[in-house]
């Protein structure tokens, strides 16, 4: 999931360089959402792993 966020971030940077503002904004928002989902899943799995011990 983090890889998908990184891919959308790279797409947003490339689109911004070429002047496609709408595409860059959309890709940036998708990257942000995927990154935060990754963080939530990571924290939940970390807490579950600590509780299992």
C-alpha atoms as a PDB file:
ATOM      1  CA  UNK A   1       0.000   0.000   0.000  1.00  0.00           C
ATOM      2  CA  UNK A   2       2.900   2.311   0.724  1.00  0.00           C
ATOM      3  CA  UNK A   3       4.229   1.522  -2.748  1.00  0.00           C
ATOM      4  CA  UNK A   4       0.927   2.612  -4.302  1.00  0.00           C
ATOM      5  CA  UNK A   5       1.069   5.881  -2.359  1.00  0.00           C
ATOM      6  CA  UNK A   6       4.619   6.454  -3.596  1.00  0.00           C
ATOM      7  CA  UNK A   7       3.571   5.756  -7.198  1.00  0.00           C
ATOM      8  CA  UNK A   8       0.715   8.266  -7.019  1.00  0.00           C
ATOM      9  CA  UNK A   9       3.094  10.795  -5.442  1.00  0.00           C
ATOM     10  CA  UNK A  10       5.552  10.372  -8.336  1.00  0.00           C
ATOM     11  CA  UNK A  11       2.677  10.720 -10.836  1.00  0.00           C
ATOM     12  CA  UNK A  12       1.613  13.926  -9.070  1.00  0.00           C
ATOM     13  CA  UNK A  13       5.139  15.361  -9.256  1.00  0.00           C
ATOM     14  CA  UNK A  14       5.480  14.530 -12.964  1.00  0.00           C
ATOM     15  CA  UNK A  15       2.039  15.961 -13.732  1.00  0.00           C
ATOM     16  CA  UNK A  16       2.859  19.147 -11.818  1.00  0.00           C
ATOM     17  CA  UNK A  17       6.130  19.586 -13.739  1.00  0.00           C
ATOM     18  CA  UNK A  18       4.291  19.347 -17.062  1.00  0.00           C
ATOM     19  CA  UNK A  19       1.553  21.732 -15.894  1.00  0.00           C
ATOM     20  CA  UNK A  20      -1.372  19.344 -15.483  1.00  0.00           C
ATOM     21  CA  UNK A  21      -2.722  20.908 -12.295  1.00  0.00           C
ATOM     22  CA  UNK A  22      -5.938  18.904 -12.015  1.00  0.00           C
ATOM     23  CA  UNK A  23      -4.232  15.560 -12.509  1.00  0.00           C
ATOM     24  CA  UNK A  24      -1.480  16.506 -10.071  1.00  0.00           C
ATOM     25  CA  UNK A  25      -3.993  17.511  -7.413  1.00  0.00           C
ATOM     26  CA  UNK A  26      -5.972  14.297  -7.855  1.00  0.00           C
ATOM     27  CA  UNK A  27      -2.891  12.087  -7.686  1.00  0.00           C
ATOM     28  CA  UNK A  28      -1.653  13.957  -4.615  1.00  0.00           C
ATOM     29  CA  UNK A  29      -4.952  13.416  -2.808  1.00  0.00           C
ATOM     30  CA  UNK A  30      -4.929   9.699  -3.647  1.00  0.00           C
ATOM     31  CA  UNK A  31      -1.335   9.428  -2.399  1.00  0.00           C
ATOM     32  CA  UNK A  32      -2.256  11.164   0.873  1.00  0.00           C
ATOM     33  CA  UNK A  33      -5.239   8.900   1.464  1.00  0.00           C
ATOM     34  CA  UNK A  34      -3.241   5.728   0.756  1.00  0.00           C
ATOM     35  CA  UNK A  35      -0.409   6.905   3.000  1.00  0.00           C
ATOM     36  CA  UNK A  36      -2.732   7.533   5.937  1.00  0.00           C
ATOM     37  CA  UNK A  37      -4.447   4.174   5.417  1.00  0.00           C
ATOM     38  CA  UNK A  38      -0.985   2.574   5.461  1.00  0.00           C
ATOM     39  CA  UNK A  39      -0.156   4.351   8.735  1.00  0.00           C
ATOM     40  CA  UNK A  40      -3.396   3.213  10.370  1.00  0.00           C
ATOM     41  CA  UNK A  41      -2.887  -0.406   9.271  1.00  0.00           C
ATOM     42  CA  UNK A  42       0.739  -0.278  10.474  1.00  0.00           C
ATOM     43  CA  UNK A  43      -0.195   1.066  13.911  1.00  0.00           C
ATOM     44  CA  UNK A  44      -3.030  -1.452  14.327  1.00  0.00           C
ATOM     45  CA  UNK A  45      -0.766  -4.363  13.387  1.00  0.00           C
ATOM     46  CA  UNK A  46       1.955  -3.055  15.698  1.00  0.00           C
ATOM     47  CA  UNK A  47      -0.449  -2.844  18.635  1.00  0.00           C
ATOM     48  CA  UNK A  48      -1.874  -6.299  17.874  1.00  0.00           C
ATOM     49  CA  UNK A  49       1.648  -7.730  17.728  1.00  0.00           C
ATOM     50  CA  UNK A  50       2.514  -6.193  21.090  1.00  0.00           C
ATOM     51  CA  UNK A  51      -0.693  -7.499  22.668  1.00  0.00           C
ATOM     52  CA  UNK A  52       0.027 -11.011  21.459  1.00  0.00           C
ATOM     53  CA  UNK A  53       3.217 -11.232  23.521  1.00  0.00           C
END
